[in-house]
Amino acid sequence: MRIIPAIDIIEGKCVRLSKGDYDTKKIYNENPLEVAKEFEDHGIQYVHLVDLDGAKSKHIVNHKVLEQIATKTSLKIDFGGGLKTDEDLKIAFESGANQITGGSIAVKDANTFISWLQKYGPDKIILGADAHNEKIAVSGWQEESDKELIPFIKEYQKEGVTYVICTDISKDGMLQGPSFELYKRILAETKDINLIASGGISTFDELPKLAKIGCEGTIIGKAIYENRISLKQLETYILS
C-alpha cells in the first residue's frame, strides 16, 4: 500500500484543518518545501498536495508551491483543490503535478471532468470522492451535494476512472481512526478500483489494516504533524 503524506496549503503555508473547517486552521510550517524534503529524506515517494485557497476560490492558486516541490524533490505529486478549467489543469501539469484530483468538478461539471479523463488518461486523473454521511461534498467541503457516494464512484468507473480518493469528512483531522467499514463496502461494490483512503488516520497500526482490506494507498495528514505516526515508522513500513 502506498503511503501518501498530505501537505495542505493556505497562503503558501503548510496547514491542517479539522473536518475541512477553515476556522480550525493550524499552521505547521511556513515552508512546505521543507516538509516535502523531510518526507523525501525518509523514503517517501508520494505526496498529496492540496490547494485550499484554490478550493475556496474555485481556481488554482498555489501552483508556485507545487512547482517548487516538483523541481526540488523527486516526489510524485497528486495535486488538487480548485481545479475547474482546462487552463487550471494545464497549469497544474506544467507546474509538475504527476496526477490531479478532481472533486467538485466531477459533481458540477461532469463533461469537463470526463474530457480530462479522455485527454490525460485514468492514470493521471483521480476522482475525489469526499463524503459526509455518504453524500458527496464539494467546494472545499463547504457544500453537500445530493450525490450518493458509492453510486457516484460507480458512475465514474463506467467513464474509465481507476483511482479514487475517498475522504470521510467526519473523520478528517479528528485523529479518531479511518472509516474501515465504509472502505470495505466501497471495495466490495466497486471492482478493480484503486482506492486511496483518507481522513482520520491516527496510529501506525491502522495502516496494515487498510492494506489488508485492499486500499491501494492511504493519505496521512495530521497524524504525522502531531507526531502520532513518526516518519521513521513510515520509512520502515515502506522498506518492509
C-alpha atoms as a PDB file:
ATOM      1  CA  MET A   1       0.000   0.000   0.000  1.00  0.00           C
ATOM      2  CA  ARG A   2       1.358   3.407  -0.953  1.00  0.00           C
ATOM      3  CA  ILE A   3       1.981   5.894   1.848  1.00  0.00           C
ATOM      4  CA  ILE A   4       0.955   9.390   0.745  1.00  0.00           C
ATOM      5  CA  PRO A   5       1.516  12.205   3.242  1.00  0.00           C
ATOM      6  CA  ALA A   6      -0.648  15.287   2.774  1.00  0.00           C
ATOM      7  CA  ILE A   7       0.524  18.864   2.503  1.00  0.00           C
ATOM      8  CA  ASP A   8      -2.378  21.311   2.657  1.00  0.00           C
ATOM      9  CA  ILE A   9      -1.627  24.870   1.576  1.00  0.00           C
ATOM     10  CA  ILE A  10      -3.163  28.177   2.652  1.00  0.00           C
ATOM     11  CA  GLU A  11      -1.326  31.386   1.698  1.00  0.00           C
ATOM     12  CA  GLY A  12       1.725  29.343   0.757  1.00  0.00           C
ATOM     13  CA  LYS A  13       1.985  27.736   4.212  1.00  0.00           C
ATOM     14  CA  CYS A  14       1.587  24.118   5.317  1.00  0.00           C
ATOM     15  CA  VAL A  15      -1.593  23.863   7.427  1.00  0.00           C
ATOM     16  CA  ARG A  16      -4.156  21.346   8.664  1.00  0.00           C
ATOM     17  CA  LEU A  17      -7.882  21.761   9.171  1.00  0.00           C
ATOM     18  CA  SER A  18     -10.401  19.694  11.140  1.00  0.00           C
ATOM     19  CA  LYS A  19     -13.373  18.382   9.120  1.00  0.00           C
ATOM     20  CA  GLY A  20     -12.461  20.832   6.359  1.00  0.00           C
ATOM     21  CA  ASP A  21     -13.369  23.833   8.524  1.00  0.00           C
ATOM     22  CA  TYR A  22     -11.151  26.790   7.550  1.00  0.00           C
ATOM     23  CA  ASP A  23     -11.677  28.337  11.001  1.00  0.00           C
ATOM     24  CA  THR A  24      -9.755  25.423  12.565  1.00  0.00           C
ATOM     25  CA  LYS A  25      -6.604  26.204  10.547  1.00  0.00           C
ATOM     26  CA  LYS A  26      -3.329  25.353  12.252  1.00  0.00           C
ATOM     27  CA  ILE A  27      -0.039  26.324  10.600  1.00  0.00           C
ATOM     28  CA  TYR A  28       2.622  23.613  10.878  1.00  0.00           C
ATOM     29  CA  ASN A  29       5.328  25.087   8.684  1.00  0.00           C
ATOM     30  CA  GLU A  30       5.742  28.356   6.799  1.00  0.00           C
ATOM     31  CA  ASN A  31       7.741  26.484   4.147  1.00  0.00           C
ATOM     32  CA  PRO A  32       6.017  23.467   2.525  1.00  0.00           C
ATOM     33  CA  LEU A  33       9.206  22.608   0.614  1.00  0.00           C
ATOM     34  CA  GLU A  34      10.968  21.876   3.920  1.00  0.00           C
ATOM     35  CA  VAL A  35       8.148  19.494   4.810  1.00  0.00           C
ATOM     36  CA  ALA A  36       8.326  17.779   1.405  1.00  0.00           C
ATOM     37  CA  LYS A  37      12.109  17.366   1.654  1.00  0.00           C
ATOM     38  CA  GLU A  38      11.756  15.796   5.091  1.00  0.00           C
ATOM     39  CA  PHE A  39       9.267  13.294   3.660  1.00  0.00           C
ATOM     40  CA  GLU A  40      11.652  12.505   0.819  1.00  0.00           C
ATOM     41  CA  ASP A  41      14.547  12.016   3.270  1.00  0.00           C
ATOM     42  CA  HIS A  42      12.503   9.231   4.914  1.00  0.00           C
ATOM     43  CA  GLY A  43      11.990   7.244   1.726  1.00  0.00           C
ATOM     44  CA  ILE A  44       8.543   8.619   0.935  1.00  0.00           C
ATOM     45  CA  GLN A  45       7.884   8.817  -2.800  1.00  0.00           C
ATOM     46  CA  TYR A  46       4.398  10.340  -2.979  1.00  0.00           C
ATOM     47  CA  VAL A  47       2.682  13.430  -1.660  1.00  0.00           C
ATOM     48  CA  HIS A  48      -0.911  14.662  -1.762  1.00  0.00           C
ATOM     49  CA  LEU A  49      -0.746  18.441  -2.203  1.00  0.00           C
ATOM     50  CA  VAL A  50      -3.983  20.344  -1.618  1.00  0.00           C
ATOM     51  CA  ASP A  51      -4.502  23.954  -2.633  1.00  0.00           C
ATOM     52  CA  LEU A  52      -7.039  25.008   0.000  1.00  0.00           C
ATOM     53  CA  ASP A  53      -7.049  28.595  -1.278  1.00  0.00           C
ATOM     54  CA  GLY A  54      -7.824  27.152  -4.697  1.00  0.00           C
ATOM     55  CA  ALA A  55     -10.669  25.022  -3.335  1.00  0.00           C
ATOM     56  CA  LYS A  56     -12.242  28.107  -1.804  1.00  0.00           C
ATOM     57  CA  SER A  57     -11.699  30.466  -4.751  1.00  0.00           C
ATOM     58  CA  LYS A  58     -12.573  27.815  -7.389  1.00  0.00           C
ATOM     59  CA  HIS A  59      -9.390  28.159  -9.433  1.00  0.00           C
ATOM     60  CA  ILE A  60      -5.762  27.144  -8.980  1.00  0.00           C
ATOM     61  CA  VAL A  61      -3.881  29.478  -6.588  1.00  0.00           C
ATOM     62  CA  ASN A  62      -0.823  27.811  -5.048  1.00  0.00           C
ATOM     63  CA  HIS A  63       0.806  26.434  -8.212  1.00  0.00           C
ATOM     64  CA  LYS A  64       4.139  28.063  -7.255  1.00  0.00           C
ATOM     65  CA  VAL A  65       4.330  25.780  -4.204  1.00  0.00           C
ATOM     66  CA  LEU A  66       3.592  22.818  -6.485  1.00  0.00           C
ATOM     67  CA  GLU A  67       6.336  23.909  -8.872  1.00  0.00           C
ATOM     68  CA  GLN A  68       8.846  24.333  -6.036  1.00  0.00           C
ATOM     69  CA  ILE A  69       8.226  20.855  -4.614  1.00  0.00           C
ATOM     70  CA  ALA A  70       8.193  19.284  -8.084  1.00  0.00           C
ATOM     71  CA  THR A  71      11.506  20.853  -9.118  1.00  0.00           C
ATOM     72  CA  LYS A  72      13.353  20.492  -5.810  1.00  0.00           C
ATOM     73  CA  THR A  73      12.321  16.945  -4.830  1.00  0.00           C
ATOM     74  CA  SER A  74      11.693  13.719  -6.707  1.00  0.00           C
ATOM     75  CA  LEU A  75       8.286  13.231  -5.049  1.00  0.00           C
ATOM     76  CA  LYS A  76       5.375  12.199  -7.252  1.00  0.00           C
ATOM     77  CA  ILE A  77       2.730  14.805  -6.534  1.00  0.00           C
ATOM     78  CA  ASP A  78      -1.021  14.348  -6.662  1.00  0.00           C
ATOM     79  CA  PHE A  79      -2.434  17.888  -6.727  1.00  0.00           C
ATOM     80  CA  GLY A  80      -5.969  19.020  -6.012  1.00  0.00           C
ATOM     81  CA  GLY A  81      -8.048  21.969  -4.890  1.00  0.00           C
ATOM     82  CA  GLY A  82      -9.983  24.347  -7.107  1.00  0.00           C
ATOM     83  CA  LEU A  83      -9.205  22.758 -10.464  1.00  0.00           C
ATOM     84  CA  LYS A  84     -12.169  23.846 -12.560  1.00  0.00           C
ATOM     85  CA  THR A  85     -10.989  24.601 -16.099  1.00  0.00           C
ATOM     86  CA  ASP A  86      -8.742  23.161 -18.782  1.00  0.00           C
ATOM     87  CA  GLU A  87      -6.396  26.077 -18.052  1.00  0.00           C
ATOM     88  CA  ASP A  88      -6.210  25.151 -14.330  1.00  0.00           C
ATOM     89  CA  LEU A  89      -5.320  21.608 -15.305  1.00  0.00           C
ATOM     90  CA  LYS A  90      -2.696  22.742 -17.791  1.00  0.00           C
ATOM     91  CA  ILE A  91      -1.078  24.941 -15.119  1.00  0.00           C
ATOM     92  CA  ALA A  92      -1.095  22.034 -12.616  1.00  0.00           C
ATOM     93  CA  PHE A  93       0.586  19.604 -15.002  1.00  0.00           C
ATOM     94  CA  GLU A  94       3.036  22.214 -16.286  1.00  0.00           C
ATOM     95  CA  SER A  95       3.921  23.053 -12.665  1.00  0.00           C
ATOM     96  CA  GLY A  96       4.888  19.423 -12.079  1.00  0.00           C
ATOM     97  CA  ALA A  97       1.825  17.513 -10.886  1.00  0.00           C
ATOM     98  CA  ASN A  98       2.091  13.796 -11.566  1.00  0.00           C
ATOM     99  CA  GLN A  99      -1.659  13.304 -11.042  1.00  0.00           C
ATOM    100  CA  ILE A 100      -4.522  15.666 -10.297  1.00  0.00           C
ATOM    101  CA  THR A 101      -7.592  15.101  -8.163  1.00  0.00           C
ATOM    102  CA  GLY A 102     -10.967  16.411  -9.305  1.00  0.00           C
ATOM    103  CA  GLY A 103     -13.742  16.515  -6.729  1.00  0.00           C
ATOM    104  CA  SER A 104     -16.236  19.371  -7.083  1.00  0.00           C
ATOM    105  CA  ILE A 105     -15.733  19.478 -10.855  1.00  0.00           C
ATOM    106  CA  ALA A 106     -16.830  15.834 -11.144  1.00  0.00           C
ATOM    107  CA  VAL A 107     -20.120  16.772  -9.451  1.00  0.00           C
ATOM    108  CA  LYS A 108     -20.771  20.174 -11.003  1.00  0.00           C
ATOM    109  CA  ASP A 109     -19.328  19.763 -14.489  1.00  0.00           C
ATOM    110  CA  ALA A 110     -19.176  16.092 -15.400  1.00  0.00           C
ATOM    111  CA  ASN A 111     -18.492  16.809 -19.076  1.00  0.00           C
ATOM    112  CA  THR A 112     -15.280  18.688 -18.306  1.00  0.00           C
ATOM    113  CA  PHE A 113     -14.096  16.019 -15.861  1.00  0.00           C
ATOM    114  CA  ILE A 114     -14.797  13.241 -18.396  1.00  0.00           C
ATOM    115  CA  SER A 115     -12.953  15.214 -21.088  1.00  0.00           C
ATOM    116  CA  TRP A 116      -9.897  15.334 -18.766  1.00  0.00           C
ATOM    117  CA  LEU A 117     -10.080  11.573 -18.303  1.00  0.00           C
ATOM    118  CA  GLN A 118     -10.192  11.104 -22.062  1.00  0.00           C
ATOM    119  CA  LYS A 119      -7.389  13.576 -22.750  1.00  0.00           C
ATOM    120  CA  TYR A 120      -4.907  12.657 -19.990  1.00  0.00           C
ATOM    121  CA  GLY A 121      -5.928   9.067 -19.210  1.00  0.00           C
ATOM    122  CA  PRO A 122      -7.127   7.415 -15.984  1.00  0.00           C
ATOM    123  CA  ASP A 123      -3.594   7.144 -14.541  1.00  0.00           C
ATOM    124  CA  LYS A 124      -3.375  10.946 -14.393  1.00  0.00           C
ATOM    125  CA  ILE A 125      -6.867  11.872 -13.205  1.00  0.00           C
ATOM    126  CA  ILE A 126      -8.054  10.841  -9.726  1.00  0.00           C
ATOM    127  CA  LEU A 127     -11.698  11.072  -8.688  1.00  0.00           C
ATOM    128  CA  GLY A 128     -12.026  12.886  -5.367  1.00  0.00           C
ATOM    129  CA  ALA A 129     -14.990  11.294  -3.612  1.00  0.00           C
ATOM    130  CA  ASP A 130     -15.195  13.224  -0.354  1.00  0.00           C
ATOM    131  CA  ALA A 131     -18.318  12.499   1.599  1.00  0.00           C
ATOM    132  CA  HIS A 132     -20.292  13.491   4.658  1.00  0.00           C
ATOM    133  CA  ASN A 133     -22.921  10.954   5.714  1.00  0.00           C
ATOM    134  CA  GLU A 134     -22.158   9.217   2.385  1.00  0.00           C
ATOM    135  CA  LYS A 135     -23.200  12.304   0.396  1.00  0.00           C
ATOM    136  CA  ILE A 136     -20.533  13.870  -1.810  1.00  0.00           C
ATOM    137  CA  ALA A 137     -19.311  17.266  -0.575  1.00  0.00           C
ATOM    138  CA  VAL A 138     -17.988  19.996  -2.861  1.00  0.00           C
ATOM    139  CA  SER A 139     -16.328  23.443  -2.864  1.00  0.00           C
ATOM    140  CA  GLY A 140     -13.647  22.690  -0.296  1.00  0.00           C
ATOM    141  CA  TRP A 141     -16.301  20.706   1.627  1.00  0.00           C
ATOM    142  CA  GLN A 142     -18.308  23.878   2.172  1.00  0.00           C
ATOM    143  CA  GLU A 143     -21.368  22.367   0.431  1.00  0.00           C
ATOM    144  CA  GLU A 144     -23.047  18.956   0.427  1.00  0.00           C
ATOM    145  CA  SER A 145     -24.451  17.634  -2.863  1.00  0.00           C
ATOM    146  CA  ASP A 146     -27.286  15.155  -3.369  1.00  0.00           C
ATOM    147  CA  LYS A 147     -24.886  12.567  -4.876  1.00  0.00           C
ATOM    148  CA  GLU A 148     -24.633   9.264  -3.002  1.00  0.00           C
ATOM    149  CA  LEU A 149     -21.023   8.163  -2.514  1.00  0.00           C
ATOM    150  CA  ILE A 150     -20.936   4.612  -3.907  1.00  0.00           C
ATOM    151  CA  PRO A 151     -23.232   5.221  -6.922  1.00  0.00           C
ATOM    152  CA  PHE A 152     -21.108   8.328  -7.672  1.00  0.00           C
ATOM    153  CA  ILE A 153     -17.923   6.213  -7.793  1.00  0.00           C
ATOM    154  CA  LYS A 154     -19.666   3.562  -9.921  1.00  0.00           C
ATOM    155  CA  GLU A 155     -20.888   6.184 -12.411  1.00  0.00           C
ATOM    156  CA  TYR A 156     -17.337   7.357 -12.962  1.00  0.00           C
ATOM    157  CA  GLN A 157     -15.945   3.849 -13.153  1.00  0.00           C
ATOM    158  CA  LYS A 158     -18.076   3.462 -16.270  1.00  0.00           C
ATOM    159  CA  GLU A 159     -16.315   6.553 -17.660  1.00  0.00           C
ATOM    160  CA  GLY A 160     -12.909   4.981 -17.064  1.00  0.00           C
ATOM    161  CA  VAL A 161     -11.906   6.189 -13.576  1.00  0.00           C
ATOM    162  CA  THR A 162      -9.449   3.794 -11.924  1.00  0.00           C
ATOM    163  CA  TYR A 163      -8.153   5.921  -8.997  1.00  0.00           C
ATOM    164  CA  VAL A 164     -10.421   7.213  -6.232  1.00  0.00           C
ATOM    165  CA  ILE A 165      -9.506   9.167  -3.108  1.00  0.00           C
ATOM    166  CA  CYS A 166     -12.268   8.791  -0.554  1.00  0.00           C
ATOM    167  CA  THR A 167     -12.305  11.046   2.490  1.00  0.00           C
ATOM    168  CA  ASP A 168     -14.896  10.605   5.207  1.00  0.00           C
ATOM    169  CA  ILE A 169     -15.137  14.282   6.191  1.00  0.00           C
ATOM    170  CA  SER A 170     -16.497  13.495   9.659  1.00  0.00           C
ATOM    171  CA  LYS A 171     -13.180  11.740  10.371  1.00  0.00           C
ATOM    172  CA  ASP A 172     -10.811  14.201   8.722  1.00  0.00           C
ATOM    173  CA  GLY A 173      -8.305  15.785  11.092  1.00  0.00           C
ATOM    174  CA  MET A 174     -10.017  14.228  14.119  1.00  0.00           C
ATOM    175  CA  LEU A 175      -7.346  11.547  14.799  1.00  0.00           C
ATOM    176  CA  GLN A 176     -10.057   9.015  15.690  1.00  0.00           C
ATOM    177  CA  GLY A 177      -9.322   6.352  13.079  1.00  0.00           C
ATOM    178  CA  PRO A 178     -10.427   5.930   9.464  1.00  0.00           C
ATOM    179  CA  SER A 179     -13.718   4.580   8.076  1.00  0.00           C
ATOM    180  CA  PHE A 180     -12.727   0.935   7.715  1.00  0.00           C
ATOM    181  CA  GLU A 181     -16.285  -0.309   7.181  1.00  0.00           C
ATOM    182  CA  LEU A 182     -17.004   2.304   4.513  1.00  0.00           C
ATOM    183  CA  TYR A 183     -13.828   1.388   2.593  1.00  0.00           C
ATOM    184  CA  LYS A 184     -14.681  -2.316   2.825  1.00  0.00           C
ATOM    185  CA  ARG A 185     -18.093  -1.596   1.317  1.00  0.00           C
ATOM    186  CA  ILE A 186     -16.678   0.559  -1.473  1.00  0.00           C
ATOM    187  CA  LEU A 187     -14.167  -2.159  -2.379  1.00  0.00           C
ATOM    188  CA  ALA A 188     -16.847  -4.860  -2.256  1.00  0.00           C
ATOM    189  CA  GLU A 189     -19.219  -2.893  -4.504  1.00  0.00           C
ATOM    190  CA  THR A 190     -16.735  -1.413  -6.991  1.00  0.00           C
ATOM    191  CA  LYS A 191     -14.431  -3.972  -8.566  1.00  0.00           C
ATOM    192  CA  ASP A 192     -10.897  -3.103  -9.702  1.00  0.00           C
ATOM    193  CA  ILE A 193     -10.770   0.369  -8.214  1.00  0.00           C
ATOM    194  CA  ASN A 194      -7.524   1.778  -6.784  1.00  0.00           C
ATOM    195  CA  LEU A 195      -8.961   3.124  -3.539  1.00  0.00           C
ATOM    196  CA  ILE A 196      -6.917   5.660  -1.592  1.00  0.00           C
ATOM    197  CA  ALA A 197      -8.153   6.029   1.974  1.00  0.00           C
ATOM    198  CA  SER A 198      -8.088   9.491   3.512  1.00  0.00           C
ATOM    199  CA  GLY A 199      -9.246  11.028   6.759  1.00  0.00           C
ATOM    200  CA  GLY A 200      -8.876  10.041  10.392  1.00  0.00           C
ATOM    201  CA  ILE A 201      -5.624   8.069  10.270  1.00  0.00           C
ATOM    202  CA  SER A 202      -4.354   8.328  13.842  1.00  0.00           C
ATOM    203  CA  THR A 203      -1.997   5.440  14.632  1.00  0.00           C
ATOM    204  CA  PHE A 204       0.539   3.360  12.750  1.00  0.00           C
ATOM    205  CA  ASP A 205      -1.457   0.151  13.482  1.00  0.00           C
ATOM    206  CA  GLU A 206      -4.257   1.352  11.206  1.00  0.00           C
ATOM    207  CA  LEU A 207      -2.028   1.177   8.130  1.00  0.00           C
ATOM    208  CA  PRO A 208      -1.710  -2.643   7.882  1.00  0.00           C
ATOM    209  CA  LYS A 209      -5.492  -2.874   8.434  1.00  0.00           C
ATOM    210  CA  LEU A 210      -6.158  -0.536   5.495  1.00  0.00           C
ATOM    211  CA  ALA A 211      -3.716  -2.547   3.378  1.00  0.00           C
ATOM    212  CA  LYS A 212      -5.438  -5.776   4.393  1.00  0.00           C
ATOM    213  CA  ILE A 213      -8.895  -4.608   3.279  1.00  0.00           C
ATOM    214  CA  GLY A 214      -7.422  -3.716  -0.111  1.00  0.00           C
ATOM    215  CA  CYS A 215      -6.703   0.025  -0.118  1.00  0.00           C
ATOM    216  CA  GLU A 216      -4.147   0.887  -2.802  1.00  0.00           C
ATOM    217  CA  GLY A 217      -2.872   3.880  -0.839  1.00  0.00           C
ATOM    218  CA  THR A 218      -3.535   5.961   2.209  1.00  0.00           C
ATOM    219  CA  ILE A 219      -3.223   9.695   2.769  1.00  0.00           C
ATOM    220  CA  ILE A 220      -1.861  10.679   6.165  1.00  0.00           C
ATOM    221  CA  GLY A 221      -2.030  14.250   7.410  1.00  0.00           C
ATOM    222  CA  LYS A 222      -2.440  15.399  10.975  1.00  0.00           C
ATOM    223  CA  ALA A 223      -1.129  12.133  12.480  1.00  0.00           C
ATOM    224  CA  ILE A 224       2.295  12.978  11.021  1.00  0.00           C
ATOM    225  CA  TYR A 225       2.210  16.647  12.009  1.00  0.00           C
ATOM    226  CA  GLU A 226       1.075  15.849  15.560  1.00  0.00           C
ATOM    227  CA  ASN A 227       3.736  13.117  15.868  1.00  0.00           C
ATOM    228  CA  ARG A 228       1.193  10.310  16.306  1.00  0.00           C
ATOM    229  CA  ILE A 229       2.956   8.472  13.466  1.00  0.00           C
ATOM    230  CA  SER A 230       6.679   9.068  13.016  1.00  0.00           C
ATOM    231  CA  LEU A 231       8.401   9.397   9.663  1.00  0.00           C
ATOM    232  CA  LYS A 232      10.777   6.689  10.886  1.00  0.00           C
ATOM    233  CA  GLN A 233       7.813   4.285  11.258  1.00  0.00           C
ATOM    234  CA  LEU A 234       6.658   5.142   7.739  1.00  0.00           C
ATOM    235  CA  GLU A 235      10.169   4.633   6.386  1.00  0.00           C
ATOM    236  CA  THR A 236      10.320   1.169   7.992  1.00  0.00           C
ATOM    237  CA  TYR A 237       6.865   0.306   6.605  1.00  0.00           C
ATOM    238  CA  ILE A 238       7.826   1.410   3.081  1.00  0.00           C
ATOM    239  CA  LEU A 239      11.054  -0.622   3.167  1.00  0.00           C
ATOM    240  CA  SER A 240       9.446  -3.765   4.613  1.00  0.00           C
END
